[in-house]
PDB file of N, CA and C in Angstrom:
ATOM      1  N   MET A   1      -4.456 -26.434  -2.664  1.00  0.00           N
ATOM      2  CA  MET A   1      -5.945 -26.234  -2.543  1.00  0.00           C
ATOM      3  C   MET A   1      -6.538 -24.955  -3.017  1.00  0.00           C
ATOM      4  N   ASN A   2      -7.757 -24.821  -3.544  1.00  0.00           N
ATOM      5  CA  ASN A   2      -8.264 -23.435  -3.879  1.00  0.00           C
ATOM      6  C   ASN A   2      -8.843 -22.655  -2.944  1.00  0.00           C
ATOM      7  N   CYS A   3      -9.103 -21.608  -3.070  1.00  0.00           N
ATOM      8  CA  CYS A   3      -9.500 -20.374  -1.994  1.00  0.00           C
ATOM      9  C   CYS A   3     -10.612 -21.054  -1.107  1.00  0.00           C
ATOM     10  N   ARG A   4     -11.561 -21.534  -1.807  1.00  0.00           N
ATOM     11  CA  ARG A   4     -12.848 -21.849  -1.141  1.00  0.00           C
ATOM     12  C   ARG A   4     -12.435 -23.017  -0.114  1.00  0.00           C
ATOM     13  N   LYS A   5     -11.779 -24.060  -0.480  1.00  0.00           N
ATOM     14  CA  LYS A   5     -11.507 -25.171   0.326  1.00  0.00           C
ATOM     15  C   LYS A   5     -10.380 -24.547   1.579  1.00  0.00           C
ATOM     16  N   ASP A   6      -9.539 -23.562   1.269  1.00  0.00           N
ATOM     17  CA  ASP A   6      -8.653 -22.938   2.278  1.00  0.00           C
ATOM     18  C   ASP A   6      -9.591 -22.419   3.318  1.00  0.00           C
ATOM     19  N   ALA A   7     -10.502 -21.671   2.873  1.00  0.00           N
ATOM     20  CA  ALA A   7     -11.376 -20.836   3.764  1.00  0.00           C
ATOM     21  C   ALA A   7     -12.141 -21.892   4.373  1.00  0.00           C
ATOM     22  N   LEU A   8     -12.657 -23.000   3.880  1.00  0.00           N
ATOM     23  CA  LEU A   8     -13.537 -23.932   4.952  1.00  0.00           C
ATOM     24  C   LEU A   8     -12.648 -24.439   5.870  1.00  0.00           C
ATOM     25  N   ARG A   9     -11.311 -24.762   5.246  1.00  0.00           N
ATOM     26  CA  ARG A   9     -10.499 -25.588   6.468  1.00  0.00           C
ATOM     27  C   ARG A   9     -10.225 -24.588   7.613  1.00  0.00           C
ATOM     28  N   ASN A  10      -9.786 -23.339   7.195  1.00  0.00           N
ATOM     29  CA  ASN A  10      -9.628 -22.486   8.296  1.00  0.00           C
ATOM     30  C   ASN A  10     -10.719 -22.185   9.270  1.00  0.00           C
ATOM     31  N   ARG A  11     -12.071 -21.857   8.479  1.00  0.00           N
ATOM     32  CA  ARG A  11     -13.032 -21.844   9.343  1.00  0.00           C
ATOM     33  C   ARG A  11     -13.365 -23.112  10.356  1.00  0.00           C
ATOM     34  N   LEU A  12     -13.171 -24.107   9.977  1.00  0.00           N
ATOM     35  CA  LEU A  12     -13.369 -25.339  10.638  1.00  0.00           C
ATOM     36  C   LEU A  12     -12.190 -25.778  11.928  1.00  0.00           C
ATOM     37  N   PHE A  13     -11.065 -25.375  11.308  1.00  0.00           N
ATOM     38  CA  PHE A  13     -10.177 -25.898  12.104  1.00  0.00           C
ATOM     39  C   PHE A  13      -8.964 -24.572  12.674  1.00  0.00           C
ATOM     40  N   GLY A  14      -9.201 -23.487  12.186  1.00  0.00           N
ATOM     41  CA  GLY A  14      -8.201 -22.586  12.572  1.00  0.00           C
ATOM     42  C   GLY A  14      -7.048 -22.616  11.734  1.00  0.00           C
ATOM     43  N   CYS A  15      -6.001 -22.319  12.392  1.00  0.00           N
ATOM     44  CA  CYS A  15      -4.325 -22.449  11.823  1.00  0.00           C
ATOM     45  C   CYS A  15      -3.644 -23.603  12.758  1.00  0.00           C
ATOM     46  N   LEU A  16      -2.559 -24.089  12.145  1.00  0.00           N
ATOM     47  CA  LEU A  16      -1.736 -24.840  12.689  1.00  0.00           C
ATOM     48  C   LEU A  16      -1.025 -24.429  13.823  1.00  0.00           C
ATOM     49  N   ASN A  17      -0.643 -24.701  14.870  1.00  0.00           N
ATOM     50  CA  ASN A  17       0.153 -24.279  15.987  1.00  0.00           C
ATOM     51  C   ASN A  17       1.392 -24.671  15.598  1.00  0.00           C
ATOM     52  N   SER A  18       2.709 -24.487  16.351  1.00  0.00           N
ATOM     53  CA  SER A  18       3.979 -25.139  16.305  1.00  0.00           C
ATOM     54  C   SER A  18       3.899 -26.559  15.839  1.00  0.00           C
ATOM     55  N   ALA A  19       3.350 -27.237  16.634  1.00  0.00           N
ATOM     56  CA  ALA A  19       3.231 -28.741  16.713  1.00  0.00           C
ATOM     57  C   ALA A  19       1.850 -29.152  15.607  1.00  0.00           C
ATOM     58  N   PRO A  20       2.359 -29.775  14.652  1.00  0.00           N
ATOM     59  CA  PRO A  20       1.222 -30.271  13.568  1.00  0.00           C
ATOM     60  C   PRO A  20      -0.056 -30.913  14.242  1.00  0.00           C
ATOM     61  N   SER A  21      -0.062 -31.717  15.175  1.00  0.00           N
ATOM     62  CA  SER A  21      -0.987 -32.229  15.946  1.00  0.00           C
ATOM     63  C   SER A  21      -2.084 -31.540  16.410  1.00  0.00           C
ATOM     64  N   GLU A  22      -1.679 -30.145  16.592  1.00  0.00           N
ATOM     65  CA  GLU A  22      -2.684 -29.357  17.522  1.00  0.00           C
ATOM     66  C   GLU A  22      -3.167 -28.432  16.467  1.00  0.00           C
ATOM     67  N   LEU A  23      -4.421 -28.612  16.435  1.00  0.00           N
ATOM     68  CA  LEU A  23      -5.325 -27.824  15.520  1.00  0.00           C
ATOM     69  C   LEU A  23      -6.230 -27.037  16.451  1.00  0.00           C
ATOM     70  N   VAL A  24      -6.256 -25.665  16.087  1.00  0.00           N
ATOM     71  CA  VAL A  24      -7.129 -25.084  16.939  1.00  0.00           C
ATOM     72  C   VAL A  24      -8.086 -24.064  15.946  1.00  0.00           C
ATOM     73  N   ARG A  25      -9.218 -24.051  16.746  1.00  0.00           N
ATOM     74  CA  ARG A  25     -10.725 -23.389  15.883  1.00  0.00           C
ATOM     75  C   ARG A  25     -10.451 -22.073  16.649  1.00  0.00           C
ATOM     76  N   PRO A  26     -10.465 -21.094  16.104  1.00  0.00           N
ATOM     77  CA  PRO A  26     -10.490 -19.802  16.698  1.00  0.00           C
ATOM     78  C   PRO A  26     -11.939 -19.466  17.354  1.00  0.00           C
ATOM     79  N   VAL A  27     -12.978 -19.728  16.526  1.00  0.00           N
ATOM     80  CA  VAL A  27     -14.489 -19.701  17.324  1.00  0.00           C
ATOM     81  C   VAL A  27     -15.294 -20.793  17.335  1.00  0.00           C
ATOM     82  N   PRO A  28     -16.110 -20.986  18.054  1.00  0.00           N
ATOM     83  CA  PRO A  28     -17.027 -22.272  18.417  1.00  0.00           C
ATOM     84  C   PRO A  28     -17.826 -22.460  17.232  1.00  0.00           C
ATOM     85  N   PHE A  29     -18.035 -23.822  16.795  1.00  0.00           N
ATOM     86  CA  PHE A  29     -19.130 -24.161  16.225  1.00  0.00           C
ATOM     87  C   PHE A  29     -20.508 -23.696  16.580  1.00  0.00           C
ATOM     88  N   ARG A  30     -21.317 -22.864  15.494  1.00  0.00           N
ATOM     89  CA  ARG A  30     -22.516 -22.235  15.999  1.00  0.00           C
ATOM     90  C   ARG A  30     -23.608 -23.315  15.605  1.00  0.00           C
ATOM     91  N   VAL A  31     -24.386 -23.620  16.331  1.00  0.00           N
ATOM     92  CA  VAL A  31     -25.308 -24.570  16.171  1.00  0.00           C
ATOM     93  C   VAL A  31     -27.002 -24.097  16.455  1.00  0.00           C
ATOM     94  N   LEU A  32     -27.817 -24.635  15.512  1.00  0.00           N
ATOM     95  CA  LEU A  32     -29.009 -24.164  15.601  1.00  0.00           C
ATOM     96  C   LEU A  32     -29.850 -25.456  16.085  1.00  0.00           C
ATOM     97  N   ILE A  33     -30.866 -25.259  17.013  1.00  0.00           N
ATOM     98  CA  ILE A  33     -31.550 -26.470  17.508  1.00  0.00           C
ATOM     99  C   ILE A  33     -32.936 -26.453  17.047  1.00  0.00           C
ATOM    100  N   ALA A  34     -33.491 -27.401  16.359  1.00  0.00           N
ATOM    101  CA  ALA A  34     -35.081 -27.340  15.879  1.00  0.00           C
ATOM    102  C   ALA A  34     -35.504 -28.352  16.420  1.00  0.00           C
ATOM    103  N   ASP A  35     -36.703 -28.438  17.157  1.00  0.00           N
ATOM    104  CA  ASP A  35     -37.342 -29.361  17.801  1.00  0.00           C
ATOM    105  C   ASP A  35     -38.608 -28.978  18.595  1.00  0.00           C
ATOM    106  N   ASP A  36     -39.917 -29.410  18.546  1.00  0.00           N
ATOM    107  CA  ASP A  36     -41.070 -28.847  18.700  1.00  0.00           C
ATOM    108  C   ASP A  36     -41.326 -29.077  20.468  1.00  0.00           C
ATOM    109  N   HIS A  37     -40.419 -29.747  21.249  1.00  0.00           N
ATOM    110  CA  HIS A  37     -40.314 -29.933  22.302  1.00  0.00           C
ATOM    111  C   HIS A  37     -39.416 -29.101  23.341  1.00  0.00           C
ATOM    112  N   ALA A  38     -39.775 -28.236  23.997  1.00  0.00           N
ATOM    113  CA  ALA A  38     -38.935 -27.180  24.763  1.00  0.00           C
ATOM    114  C   ALA A  38     -37.970 -27.978  25.556  1.00  0.00           C
ATOM    115  N   ALA A  39     -38.549 -29.090  26.292  1.00  0.00           N
ATOM    116  CA  ALA A  39     -37.655 -29.765  27.061  1.00  0.00           C
ATOM    117  C   ALA A  39     -36.399 -30.407  26.204  1.00  0.00           C
ATOM    118  N   VAL A  40     -36.453 -30.633  24.999  1.00  0.00           N
ATOM    119  CA  VAL A  40     -35.585 -31.587  24.164  1.00  0.00           C
ATOM    120  C   VAL A  40     -34.662 -30.128  23.724  1.00  0.00           C
ATOM    121  N   ARG A  41     -35.036 -29.146  23.253  1.00  0.00           N
ATOM    122  CA  ARG A  41     -34.222 -28.286  23.085  1.00  0.00           C
ATOM    123  C   ARG A  41     -33.573 -27.530  24.204  1.00  0.00           C
ATOM    124  N   GLY A  42     -33.839 -27.532  25.471  1.00  0.00           N
ATOM    125  CA  GLY A  42     -33.613 -27.209  26.551  1.00  0.00           C
ATOM    126  C   GLY A  42     -32.251 -28.026  26.957  1.00  0.00           C
ATOM    127  N   LEU A  43     -32.325 -29.306  26.871  1.00  0.00           N
ATOM    128  CA  LEU A  43     -31.438 -30.548  27.091  1.00  0.00           C
ATOM    129  C   LEU A  43     -30.287 -30.595  26.178  1.00  0.00           C
ATOM    130  N   LEU A  44     -30.576 -30.161  24.764  1.00  0.00           N
ATOM    131  CA  LEU A  44     -29.522 -30.227  23.664  1.00  0.00           C
ATOM    132  C   LEU A  44     -28.900 -28.981  23.924  1.00  0.00           C
ATOM    133  N   ARG A  45     -29.320 -27.846  24.105  1.00  0.00           N
ATOM    134  CA  ARG A  45     -28.673 -26.545  24.521  1.00  0.00           C
ATOM    135  C   ARG A  45     -27.536 -26.768  25.791  1.00  0.00           C
ATOM    136  N   VAL A  46     -28.287 -27.348  26.839  1.00  0.00           N
ATOM    137  CA  VAL A  46     -27.313 -27.657  28.103  1.00  0.00           C
ATOM    138  C   VAL A  46     -26.107 -28.614  27.629  1.00  0.00           C
ATOM    139  N   LEU A  47     -26.606 -29.734  26.919  1.00  0.00           N
ATOM    140  CA  LEU A  47     -25.296 -30.788  26.583  1.00  0.00           C
ATOM    141  C   LEU A  47     -24.260 -29.680  25.532  1.00  0.00           C
ATOM    142  N   LEU A  48     -24.699 -29.108  24.708  1.00  0.00           N
ATOM    143  CA  LEU A  48     -23.979 -28.383  23.598  1.00  0.00           C
ATOM    144  C   LEU A  48     -22.902 -27.486  24.375  1.00  0.00           C
ATOM    145  N   GLU A  49     -23.719 -26.418  25.048  1.00  0.00           N
ATOM    146  CA  GLU A  49     -23.020 -25.532  25.774  1.00  0.00           C
ATOM    147  C   GLU A  49     -22.072 -25.838  26.898  1.00  0.00           C
ATOM    148  N   ASN A  50     -21.807 -27.276  27.180  1.00  0.00           N
ATOM    149  CA  ASN A  50     -21.166 -27.530  28.269  1.00  0.00           C
ATOM    150  C   ASN A  50     -19.539 -27.899  27.618  1.00  0.00           C
ATOM    151  N   HIS A  51     -19.639 -27.953  26.262  1.00  0.00           N
ATOM    152  CA  HIS A  51     -18.335 -28.243  25.501  1.00  0.00           C
ATOM    153  C   HIS A  51     -18.045 -26.525  24.894  1.00  0.00           C
ATOM    154  N   GLN A  52     -16.802 -26.154  25.158  1.00  0.00           N
ATOM    155  CA  GLN A  52     -16.005 -24.935  24.841  1.00  0.00           C
ATOM    156  C   GLN A  52     -16.198 -24.450  23.442  1.00  0.00           C
ATOM    157  N   ASP A  53     -16.193 -25.756  22.675  1.00  0.00           N
ATOM    158  CA  ASP A  53     -16.195 -25.517  21.159  1.00  0.00           C
ATOM    159  C   ASP A  53     -17.544 -25.337  20.505  1.00  0.00           C
ATOM    160  N   TRP A  54     -18.506 -25.514  21.212  1.00  0.00           N
ATOM    161  CA  TRP A  54     -19.678 -25.576  20.609  1.00  0.00           C
ATOM    162  C   TRP A  54     -20.694 -24.291  21.263  1.00  0.00           C
ATOM    163  N   GLN A  55     -21.537 -23.715  20.284  1.00  0.00           N
ATOM    164  CA  GLN A  55     -22.203 -22.643  21.047  1.00  0.00           C
ATOM    165  C   GLN A  55     -23.472 -22.605  20.191  1.00  0.00           C
ATOM    166  N   VAL A  56     -24.626 -22.652  20.924  1.00  0.00           N
ATOM    167  CA  VAL A  56     -25.986 -22.653  20.185  1.00  0.00           C
ATOM    168  C   VAL A  56     -26.476 -21.107  19.887  1.00  0.00           C
ATOM    169  N   CYS A  57     -26.739 -20.946  18.743  1.00  0.00           N
ATOM    170  CA  CYS A  57     -26.746 -19.578  18.335  1.00  0.00           C
ATOM    171  C   CYS A  57     -28.486 -19.526  17.929  1.00  0.00           C
ATOM    172  N   GLY A  58     -29.365 -20.326  18.216  1.00  0.00           N
ATOM    173  CA  GLY A  58     -30.599 -19.952  18.216  1.00  0.00           C
ATOM    174  C   GLY A  58     -31.459 -21.243  18.413  1.00  0.00           C
ATOM    175  N   GLU A  59     -32.894 -21.418  18.644  1.00  0.00           N
ATOM    176  CA  GLU A  59     -33.628 -22.413  18.643  1.00  0.00           C
ATOM    177  C   GLU A  59     -35.037 -22.487  17.828  1.00  0.00           C
ATOM    178  N   ALA A  60     -35.616 -23.053  17.180  1.00  0.00           N
ATOM    179  CA  ALA A  60     -36.787 -23.066  16.369  1.00  0.00           C
ATOM    180  C   ALA A  60     -37.879 -24.092  16.875  1.00  0.00           C
ATOM    181  N   GLU A  61     -38.934 -24.058  16.849  1.00  0.00           N
ATOM    182  CA  GLU A  61     -39.921 -25.037  17.252  1.00  0.00           C
ATOM    183  C   GLU A  61     -40.639 -25.932  16.054  1.00  0.00           C
ATOM    184  N   ASN A  62     -40.278 -25.483  14.923  1.00  0.00           N
ATOM    185  CA  ASN A  62     -40.722 -26.268  13.724  1.00  0.00           C
ATOM    186  C   ASN A  62     -39.724 -26.069  12.657  1.00  0.00           C
ATOM    187  N   ALA A  63     -39.741 -26.572  11.561  1.00  0.00           N
ATOM    188  CA  ALA A  63     -38.835 -26.529  10.516  1.00  0.00           C
ATOM    189  C   ALA A  63     -38.834 -25.248   9.611  1.00  0.00           C
ATOM    190  N   PHE A  64     -40.150 -25.001   9.573  1.00  0.00           N
ATOM    191  CA  PHE A  64     -40.633 -23.532   8.760  1.00  0.00           C
ATOM    192  C   PHE A  64     -39.823 -22.549   9.585  1.00  0.00           C
ATOM    193  N   GLU A  65     -39.735 -22.510  11.033  1.00  0.00           N
ATOM    194  CA  GLU A  65     -38.963 -21.180  11.812  1.00  0.00           C
ATOM    195  C   GLU A  65     -37.468 -21.636  11.654  1.00  0.00           C
ATOM    196  N   ALA A  66     -37.231 -22.974  11.717  1.00  0.00           N
ATOM    197  CA  ALA A  66     -35.739 -23.471  11.574  1.00  0.00           C
ATOM    198  C   ALA A  66     -35.427 -22.569  10.136  1.00  0.00           C
ATOM    199  N   VAL A  67     -35.881 -22.897   9.144  1.00  0.00           N
ATOM    200  CA  VAL A  67     -35.520 -22.405   7.708  1.00  0.00           C
ATOM    201  C   VAL A  67     -35.228 -20.885   7.727  1.00  0.00           C
ATOM    202  N   ALA A  68     -36.205 -20.036   8.489  1.00  0.00           N
ATOM    203  CA  ALA A  68     -36.011 -18.670   8.385  1.00  0.00           C
ATOM    204  C   ALA A  68     -34.766 -18.405   9.440  1.00  0.00           C
ATOM    205  N   LYS A  69     -34.720 -18.950  10.534  1.00  0.00           N
ATOM    206  CA  LYS A  69     -33.575 -18.679  11.610  1.00  0.00           C
ATOM    207  C   LYS A  69     -32.082 -19.231  11.074  1.00  0.00           C
ATOM    208  N   ALA A  70     -32.191 -20.073   9.972  1.00  0.00           N
ATOM    209  CA  ALA A  70     -30.980 -20.773   9.251  1.00  0.00           C
ATOM    210  C   ALA A  70     -30.489 -19.865   8.684  1.00  0.00           C
ATOM    211  N   SER A  71     -31.372 -19.197   7.821  1.00  0.00           N
ATOM    212  CA  SER A  71     -30.724 -18.144   6.859  1.00  0.00           C
ATOM    213  C   SER A  71     -30.431 -16.935   7.417  1.00  0.00           C
ATOM    214  N   GLN A  72     -31.063 -16.678   8.458  1.00  0.00           N
ATOM    215  CA  GLN A  72     -30.811 -15.346   9.115  1.00  0.00           C
ATOM    216  C   GLN A  72     -29.162 -15.242  10.216  1.00  0.00           C
ATOM    217  N   LEU A  73     -29.063 -16.579  10.750  1.00  0.00           N
ATOM    218  CA  LEU A  73     -28.104 -16.722  11.528  1.00  0.00           C
ATOM    219  C   LEU A  73     -27.094 -17.616  11.194  1.00  0.00           C
ATOM    220  N   LYS A  74     -26.911 -18.352   9.959  1.00  0.00           N
ATOM    221  CA  LYS A  74     -25.905 -18.877   9.372  1.00  0.00           C
ATOM    222  C   LYS A  74     -25.229 -19.776  10.183  1.00  0.00           C
ATOM    223  N   PRO A  75     -25.935 -20.863  10.924  1.00  0.00           N
ATOM    224  CA  PRO A  75     -25.245 -21.586  11.803  1.00  0.00           C
ATOM    225  C   PRO A  75     -24.191 -22.615  10.983  1.00  0.00           C
ATOM    226  N   ASP A  76     -23.390 -23.411  11.721  1.00  0.00           N
ATOM    227  CA  ASP A  76     -22.296 -24.269  11.157  1.00  0.00           C
ATOM    228  C   ASP A  76     -23.175 -25.589  11.053  1.00  0.00           C
ATOM    229  N   LEU A  77     -24.090 -25.939  11.959  1.00  0.00           N
ATOM    230  CA  LEU A  77     -24.713 -27.121  12.421  1.00  0.00           C
ATOM    231  C   LEU A  77     -26.347 -26.861  12.650  1.00  0.00           C
ATOM    232  N   ILE A  78     -27.053 -27.665  11.989  1.00  0.00           N
ATOM    233  CA  ILE A  78     -28.441 -27.658  12.381  1.00  0.00           C
ATOM    234  C   ILE A  78     -28.775 -28.841  12.944  1.00  0.00           C
ATOM    235  N   ILE A  79     -29.510 -29.085  14.246  1.00  0.00           N
ATOM    236  CA  ILE A  79     -30.181 -30.207  14.872  1.00  0.00           C
ATOM    237  C   ILE A  79     -31.415 -30.247  14.693  1.00  0.00           C
ATOM    238  N   LEU A  80     -31.884 -31.114  13.873  1.00  0.00           N
ATOM    239  CA  LEU A  80     -33.061 -30.932  13.343  1.00  0.00           C
ATOM    240  C   LEU A  80     -33.999 -32.125  13.634  1.00  0.00           C
ATOM    241  N   ASP A  81     -35.300 -32.008  14.416  1.00  0.00           N
ATOM    242  CA  ASP A  81     -36.186 -33.108  14.657  1.00  0.00           C
ATOM    243  C   ASP A  81     -36.973 -33.516  13.170  1.00  0.00           C
ATOM    244  N   LEU A  82     -37.086 -34.725  13.048  1.00  0.00           N
ATOM    245  CA  LEU A  82     -37.579 -34.856  11.697  1.00  0.00           C
ATOM    246  C   LEU A  82     -39.056 -35.007  11.745  1.00  0.00           C
ATOM    247  N   ALA A  83     -39.967 -35.118  13.088  1.00  0.00           N
ATOM    248  CA  ALA A  83     -41.323 -35.223  13.110  1.00  0.00           C
ATOM    249  C   ALA A  83     -41.772 -33.967  14.049  1.00  0.00           C
ATOM    250  N   MET A  84     -42.246 -32.752  13.343  1.00  0.00           N
ATOM    251  CA  MET A  84     -42.556 -31.659  14.077  1.00  0.00           C
ATOM    252  C   MET A  84     -43.901 -31.228  13.299  1.00  0.00           C
ATOM    253  N   PRO A  85     -44.909 -30.507  14.159  1.00  0.00           N
ATOM    254  CA  PRO A  85     -45.886 -29.885  13.722  1.00  0.00           C
ATOM    255  C   PRO A  85     -45.758 -28.880  12.736  1.00  0.00           C
ATOM    256  N   VAL A  86     -46.534 -28.242  11.911  1.00  0.00           N
ATOM    257  CA  VAL A  86     -46.587 -27.155  11.004  1.00  0.00           C
ATOM    258  C   VAL A  86     -45.561 -27.574   9.719  1.00  0.00           C
ATOM    259  N   MET A  87     -44.309 -27.832   9.773  1.00  0.00           N
ATOM    260  CA  MET A  87     -43.417 -28.271   8.905  1.00  0.00           C
ATOM    261  C   MET A  87     -42.429 -29.167   9.338  1.00  0.00           C
ATOM    262  N   ASP A  88     -42.240 -30.305   9.282  1.00  0.00           N
ATOM    263  CA  ASP A  88     -41.484 -31.350   9.985  1.00  0.00           C
ATOM    264  C   ASP A  88     -39.974 -31.228   9.113  1.00  0.00           C
ATOM    265  N   GLY A  89     -39.138 -32.032   9.666  1.00  0.00           N
ATOM    266  CA  GLY A  89     -37.665 -31.872   9.264  1.00  0.00           C
ATOM    267  C   GLY A  89     -37.648 -32.359   7.792  1.00  0.00           C
ATOM    268  N   THR A  90     -38.587 -33.034   7.256  1.00  0.00           N
ATOM    269  CA  THR A  90     -38.287 -33.909   6.042  1.00  0.00           C
ATOM    270  C   THR A  90     -39.273 -33.251   4.869  1.00  0.00           C
ATOM    271  N   SER A  91     -39.778 -32.052   5.024  1.00  0.00           N
ATOM    272  CA  SER A  91     -40.644 -31.390   3.929  1.00  0.00           C
ATOM    273  C   SER A  91     -39.582 -30.230   3.430  1.00  0.00           C
ATOM    274  N   ARG A  92     -40.143 -29.827   2.462  1.00  0.00           N
ATOM    275  CA  ARG A  92     -39.346 -29.033   1.496  1.00  0.00           C
ATOM    276  C   ARG A  92     -40.345 -28.156   0.908  1.00  0.00           C
ATOM    277  N   ARG A  93     -40.216 -26.712   1.310  1.00  0.00           N
ATOM    278  CA  ARG A  93     -41.091 -25.984   0.441  1.00  0.00           C
ATOM    279  C   ARG A  93     -40.569 -24.676   0.151  1.00  0.00           C
ATOM    280  N   SER A  94     -40.828 -24.236  -1.015  1.00  0.00           N
ATOM    281  CA  SER A  94     -40.384 -23.103  -1.501  1.00  0.00           C
ATOM    282  C   SER A  94     -40.711 -22.039  -1.250  1.00  0.00           C
TER     283      SER A  94
END
C-alpha cells in the first residue's frame, strides 16, 4: 500500500492488536452536524455521543456555516440536512 492509503487506514482503524480480528481506533470519529432545527441537532448529538467511538466536533445551522466549520474543524464525517435556509445541503457556491 502507498503512504496515503496506510495513513488513511491507520486514521480510521488504528493498529492491529495481537488478534487480527481486533481493530482498535485510537481516536473517535469526529462528526459535524448541519441542520436548521436545533432539536434535530440536539437529538443527533445525544445519539452520537452515546457511542464511545463518535465525537461531535461542531454544529451548523445551514450549509454555508457547515462549509466554514468543516474547513476549520476537519471532521471525519458531516451529517448534512439537504433542505435548509440560507444555503441548503445541495447547493454549491465558490
